[in-house]
Amino acid sequence: MRNLQIEEKLFNIENSISKLSIAVKTILSQEEAAEFLGYKPSYLYKLTADKKIKFFKPLGKLNYFRKQDLEDFLLQNPSEPISQIEQESNNWKK
C-alpha cells in the first residue's frame, strides 16, 4: 500500500470514530454540535448569538447542546406532502 492510501484509510477511520462518539453522547460541544447538524461552526455560532437554537453556557464561556434539542431544531417547520394537503382540502369542503 502506498502512503497516500494508508493516510486516506486512517482519515476515514478517524472520521468514523468521531461520528460514533457523537452518536453515543447526549451533550455536545459547539464543534460536535456543528458536525452533528452538518453546519459550519461559524453558522452555529450565529444561531446561538441570534438565540435561534437552544444552548447551555454552564460557566458562562463554552456553549453546550443537548442532542435532543438539536434534533428538535432540525425538525422544525415540516412541509406537508401535496397529497395530504389535497386530502385535508377535500375533507374541509364536505
N, C-alpha and C. Protein backbone atom coordinates (compact mmCIF):
# COMPACT_ATOMS: atom_id res chain seq x y z
N MET A 1 0.84 -1.19 0.00
CA MET A 1 0.00 0.00 0.00
C MET A 1 0.88 1.24 0.00
N ARG A 2 0.43 2.22 -0.72
CA ARG A 2 1.17 3.48 -0.74
C ARG A 2 0.80 4.31 0.48
N ASN A 3 1.67 5.25 0.80
CA ASN A 3 1.44 6.12 1.96
C ASN A 3 0.13 6.89 1.84
N LEU A 4 -0.19 7.33 0.62
CA LEU A 4 -1.42 8.09 0.42
C LEU A 4 -2.64 7.25 0.74
N GLN A 5 -2.62 6.00 0.34
CA GLN A 5 -3.74 5.10 0.63
C GLN A 5 -3.86 4.85 2.13
N ILE A 6 -2.74 4.68 2.79
CA ILE A 6 -2.75 4.45 4.23
C ILE A 6 -3.29 5.69 4.96
N GLU A 7 -2.83 6.86 4.54
CA GLU A 7 -3.31 8.10 5.17
C GLU A 7 -4.81 8.27 4.95
N GLU A 8 -5.29 7.93 3.77
CA GLU A 8 -6.73 8.04 3.48
C GLU A 8 -7.53 7.09 4.35
N LYS A 9 -7.05 5.87 4.51
CA LYS A 9 -7.75 4.91 5.36
C LYS A 9 -7.75 5.36 6.82
N LEU A 10 -6.64 5.89 7.29
CA LEU A 10 -6.57 6.39 8.66
C LEU A 10 -7.54 7.56 8.86
N PHE A 11 -7.61 8.45 7.88
CA PHE A 11 -8.53 9.57 7.94
C PHE A 11 -9.97 9.08 8.03
N ASN A 12 -10.31 8.08 7.22
CA ASN A 12 -11.66 7.51 7.26
C ASN A 12 -11.97 6.87 8.61
N ILE A 13 -10.99 6.19 9.18
CA ILE A 13 -11.17 5.56 10.49
C ILE A 13 -11.39 6.63 11.56
N GLU A 14 -10.58 7.69 11.53
CA GLU A 14 -10.74 8.78 12.49
C GLU A 14 -12.13 9.42 12.39
N ASN A 15 -12.61 9.63 11.16
CA ASN A 15 -13.94 10.20 10.97
C ASN A 15 -15.02 9.28 11.53
N SER A 16 -14.87 7.99 11.30
CA SER A 16 -15.85 7.03 11.80
C SER A 16 -15.89 7.02 13.33
N ILE A 17 -14.72 7.06 13.95
CA ILE A 17 -14.66 7.09 15.41
C ILE A 17 -15.29 8.37 15.94
N SER A 18 -15.02 9.48 15.28
CA SER A 18 -15.60 10.76 15.71
C SER A 18 -17.12 10.72 15.63
N LYS A 19 -17.65 10.17 14.55
CA LYS A 19 -19.10 10.08 14.39
C LYS A 19 -19.72 9.14 15.42
N LEU A 20 -19.03 8.05 15.73
CA LEU A 20 -19.53 7.13 16.75
C LEU A 20 -19.55 7.77 18.12
N SER A 21 -18.53 8.56 18.44
CA SER A 21 -18.51 9.20 19.76
C SER A 21 -19.65 10.21 19.88
N ILE A 22 -19.96 10.90 18.81
CA ILE A 22 -21.09 11.85 18.83
C ILE A 22 -22.41 11.09 18.96
N ALA A 23 -22.49 9.93 18.34
CA ALA A 23 -23.74 9.16 18.35
C ALA A 23 -24.12 8.70 19.76
N VAL A 24 -23.15 8.44 20.61
CA VAL A 24 -23.47 7.92 21.94
C VAL A 24 -23.60 9.02 22.99
N LYS A 25 -23.17 10.23 22.68
CA LYS A 25 -23.24 11.32 23.66
C LYS A 25 -24.62 11.98 23.63
N THR A 26 -25.03 12.52 24.77
CA THR A 26 -26.29 13.27 24.82
C THR A 26 -26.04 14.77 24.91
N ILE A 27 -24.87 15.15 25.39
CA ILE A 27 -24.48 16.56 25.48
C ILE A 27 -23.29 16.76 24.54
N LEU A 28 -23.40 17.79 23.68
CA LEU A 28 -22.36 18.01 22.67
C LEU A 28 -21.74 19.39 22.83
N SER A 29 -20.46 19.47 22.51
CA SER A 29 -19.78 20.76 22.49
C SER A 29 -20.18 21.52 21.23
N GLN A 30 -19.72 22.76 21.12
CA GLN A 30 -20.02 23.58 19.94
C GLN A 30 -19.55 22.88 18.66
N GLU A 31 -18.33 22.36 18.67
CA GLU A 31 -17.77 21.71 17.48
C GLU A 31 -18.54 20.43 17.14
N GLU A 32 -18.85 19.63 18.17
CA GLU A 32 -19.59 18.40 17.95
C GLU A 32 -20.99 18.69 17.44
N ALA A 33 -21.62 19.71 17.99
CA ALA A 33 -22.97 20.08 17.56
C ALA A 33 -22.97 20.53 16.11
N ALA A 34 -21.98 21.31 15.72
CA ALA A 34 -21.88 21.76 14.33
C ALA A 34 -21.72 20.56 13.40
N GLU A 35 -20.89 19.61 13.80
CA GLU A 35 -20.70 18.41 12.98
C GLU A 35 -21.99 17.60 12.90
N PHE A 36 -22.67 17.45 14.04
CA PHE A 36 -23.93 16.70 14.09
C PHE A 36 -24.97 17.32 13.16
N LEU A 37 -25.06 18.66 13.17
CA LEU A 37 -26.04 19.36 12.34
C LEU A 37 -25.62 19.45 10.87
N GLY A 38 -24.32 19.30 10.62
CA GLY A 38 -23.83 19.46 9.27
C GLY A 38 -23.62 20.93 8.91
N TYR A 39 -23.45 21.77 9.92
CA TYR A 39 -23.23 23.20 9.73
C TYR A 39 -21.78 23.53 10.01
N LYS A 40 -21.34 24.65 9.50
CA LYS A 40 -20.03 25.17 9.86
C LYS A 40 -20.14 25.73 11.28
N PRO A 41 -19.06 25.64 12.07
CA PRO A 41 -19.11 26.18 13.43
C PRO A 41 -19.49 27.67 13.46
N SER A 42 -19.08 28.42 12.46
CA SER A 42 -19.41 29.85 12.44
C SER A 42 -20.92 30.07 12.28
N TYR A 43 -21.59 29.20 11.52
CA TYR A 43 -23.03 29.34 11.36
C TYR A 43 -23.75 28.96 12.66
N LEU A 44 -23.26 27.92 13.32
CA LEU A 44 -23.86 27.54 14.60
C LEU A 44 -23.66 28.67 15.62
N TYR A 45 -22.51 29.32 15.58
CA TYR A 45 -22.28 30.46 16.47
C TYR A 45 -23.30 31.57 16.18
N LYS A 46 -23.58 31.82 14.91
CA LYS A 46 -24.57 32.83 14.54
C LYS A 46 -25.95 32.46 15.08
N LEU A 47 -26.31 31.18 14.98
CA LEU A 47 -27.61 30.73 15.50
C LEU A 47 -27.70 30.93 17.01
N THR A 48 -26.61 30.68 17.72
CA THR A 48 -26.63 30.87 19.17
C THR A 48 -26.67 32.36 19.51
N ALA A 49 -25.91 33.17 18.77
CA ALA A 49 -25.90 34.61 19.04
C ALA A 49 -27.27 35.23 18.79
N ASP A 50 -27.99 34.71 17.78
CA ASP A 50 -29.33 35.20 17.47
C ASP A 50 -30.41 34.51 18.31
N LYS A 51 -29.99 33.61 19.20
CA LYS A 51 -30.91 32.85 20.07
C LYS A 51 -31.96 32.07 19.26
N LYS A 52 -31.52 31.49 18.15
CA LYS A 52 -32.42 30.70 17.31
C LYS A 52 -32.33 29.21 17.60
N ILE A 53 -31.37 28.85 18.43
CA ILE A 53 -31.20 27.44 18.79
C ILE A 53 -30.89 27.38 20.29
N LYS A 54 -31.43 26.38 20.95
CA LYS A 54 -31.27 26.25 22.40
C LYS A 54 -29.86 25.76 22.72
N PHE A 55 -29.23 26.41 23.69
CA PHE A 55 -27.90 26.01 24.13
C PHE A 55 -27.73 26.33 25.60
N PHE A 56 -26.67 25.80 26.19
CA PHE A 56 -26.40 25.98 27.60
C PHE A 56 -24.97 26.51 27.75
N LYS A 57 -24.79 27.39 28.72
CA LYS A 57 -23.50 28.00 29.00
C LYS A 57 -23.24 27.88 30.49
N PRO A 58 -22.85 26.68 30.98
CA PRO A 58 -22.79 26.45 32.41
C PRO A 58 -21.82 27.35 33.17
N LEU A 59 -20.70 27.71 32.60
CA LEU A 59 -19.73 28.56 33.29
C LEU A 59 -19.60 29.91 32.61
N GLY A 60 -20.52 30.19 31.70
CA GLY A 60 -20.52 31.49 31.05
C GLY A 60 -19.55 31.64 29.90
N LYS A 61 -18.88 30.56 29.50
CA LYS A 61 -17.91 30.69 28.43
C LYS A 61 -18.20 29.74 27.26
N LEU A 62 -18.21 28.46 27.51
CA LEU A 62 -18.39 27.47 26.45
C LEU A 62 -19.86 27.11 26.26
N ASN A 63 -20.26 26.90 25.00
CA ASN A 63 -21.63 26.50 24.68
C ASN A 63 -21.73 24.98 24.60
N TYR A 64 -22.82 24.46 25.15
CA TYR A 64 -23.12 23.03 25.06
C TYR A 64 -24.55 22.87 24.59
N PHE A 65 -24.82 21.74 23.96
CA PHE A 65 -26.12 21.48 23.35
C PHE A 65 -26.58 20.07 23.71
N ARG A 66 -27.88 19.95 23.98
CA ARG A 66 -28.47 18.61 24.13
C ARG A 66 -28.79 18.09 22.74
N LYS A 67 -28.45 16.86 22.50
CA LYS A 67 -28.70 16.29 21.18
C LYS A 67 -30.19 16.32 20.83
N GLN A 68 -31.05 16.10 21.80
CA GLN A 68 -32.50 16.13 21.55
C GLN A 68 -32.93 17.52 21.09
N ASP A 69 -32.37 18.58 21.68
CA ASP A 69 -32.71 19.94 21.25
C ASP A 69 -32.26 20.18 19.81
N LEU A 70 -31.11 19.64 19.44
CA LEU A 70 -30.63 19.79 18.06
C LEU A 70 -31.55 19.06 17.09
N GLU A 71 -31.99 17.86 17.48
CA GLU A 71 -32.92 17.12 16.62
C GLU A 71 -34.24 17.86 16.48
N ASP A 72 -34.73 18.43 17.58
CA ASP A 72 -35.96 19.21 17.53
C ASP A 72 -35.80 20.42 16.62
N PHE A 73 -34.64 21.06 16.69
CA PHE A 73 -34.36 22.21 15.83
C PHE A 73 -34.41 21.80 14.35
N LEU A 74 -33.83 20.64 14.03
CA LEU A 74 -33.82 20.18 12.64
C LEU A 74 -35.21 19.83 12.13
N LEU A 75 -36.09 19.45 13.04
CA LEU A 75 -37.42 19.00 12.63
C LEU A 75 -38.47 20.11 12.70
N GLN A 76 -38.03 21.37 12.75
CA GLN A 76 -38.96 22.50 12.75
C GLN A 76 -39.52 22.72 11.34
N ASN A 77 -40.66 23.35 11.28
CA ASN A 77 -41.28 23.77 10.02
C ASN A 77 -41.40 22.64 8.99
N PRO A 78 -42.14 21.59 9.34
CA PRO A 78 -42.27 20.48 8.38
C PRO A 78 -43.07 20.90 7.15
N SER A 79 -42.78 20.27 6.07
CA SER A 79 -43.50 20.51 4.82
C SER A 79 -44.41 19.31 4.58
N GLU A 80 -45.70 19.58 4.43
CA GLU A 80 -46.66 18.50 4.23
C GLU A 80 -46.66 18.09 2.76
N PRO A 81 -46.79 16.79 2.48
CA PRO A 81 -46.87 16.36 1.08
C PRO A 81 -48.17 16.85 0.45
N ILE A 82 -48.13 17.12 -0.84
CA ILE A 82 -49.29 17.67 -1.55
C ILE A 82 -50.50 16.75 -1.42
N SER A 83 -50.29 15.44 -1.37
CA SER A 83 -51.42 14.51 -1.23
C SER A 83 -52.17 14.73 0.07
N GLN A 84 -51.44 15.00 1.15
CA GLN A 84 -52.09 15.25 2.44
C GLN A 84 -52.82 16.58 2.42
N ILE A 85 -52.25 17.58 1.80
CA ILE A 85 -52.90 18.89 1.70
C ILE A 85 -54.19 18.76 0.89
N GLU A 86 -54.16 18.02 -0.23
CA GLU A 86 -55.36 17.82 -1.04
C GLU A 86 -56.42 17.07 -0.26
N GLN A 87 -56.00 16.06 0.49
CA GLN A 87 -56.96 15.28 1.28
C GLN A 87 -57.62 16.16 2.35
N GLU A 88 -56.85 16.98 3.03
CA GLU A 88 -57.41 17.87 4.05
C GLU A 88 -58.33 18.90 3.41
N SER A 89 -57.98 19.35 2.21
CA SER A 89 -58.82 20.30 1.49
C SER A 89 -60.15 19.66 1.11
N ASN A 90 -60.12 18.42 0.64
CA ASN A 90 -61.33 17.70 0.29
C ASN A 90 -62.19 17.44 1.53
N ASN A 91 -61.58 17.12 2.65
CA ASN A 91 -62.34 16.89 3.87
C ASN A 91 -62.99 18.19 4.36
N TRP A 92 -62.33 19.31 4.16
CA TRP A 92 -62.85 20.58 4.61
C TRP A 92 -64.04 21.01 3.78
N LYS A 93 -64.05 20.68 2.47
CA LYS A 93 -65.14 21.07 1.56
C LYS A 93 -66.42 20.34 1.87
N LYS A 94 -66.32 19.16 2.49
CA LYS A 94 -67.51 18.33 2.74
C LYS A 94 -68.36 18.87 3.82
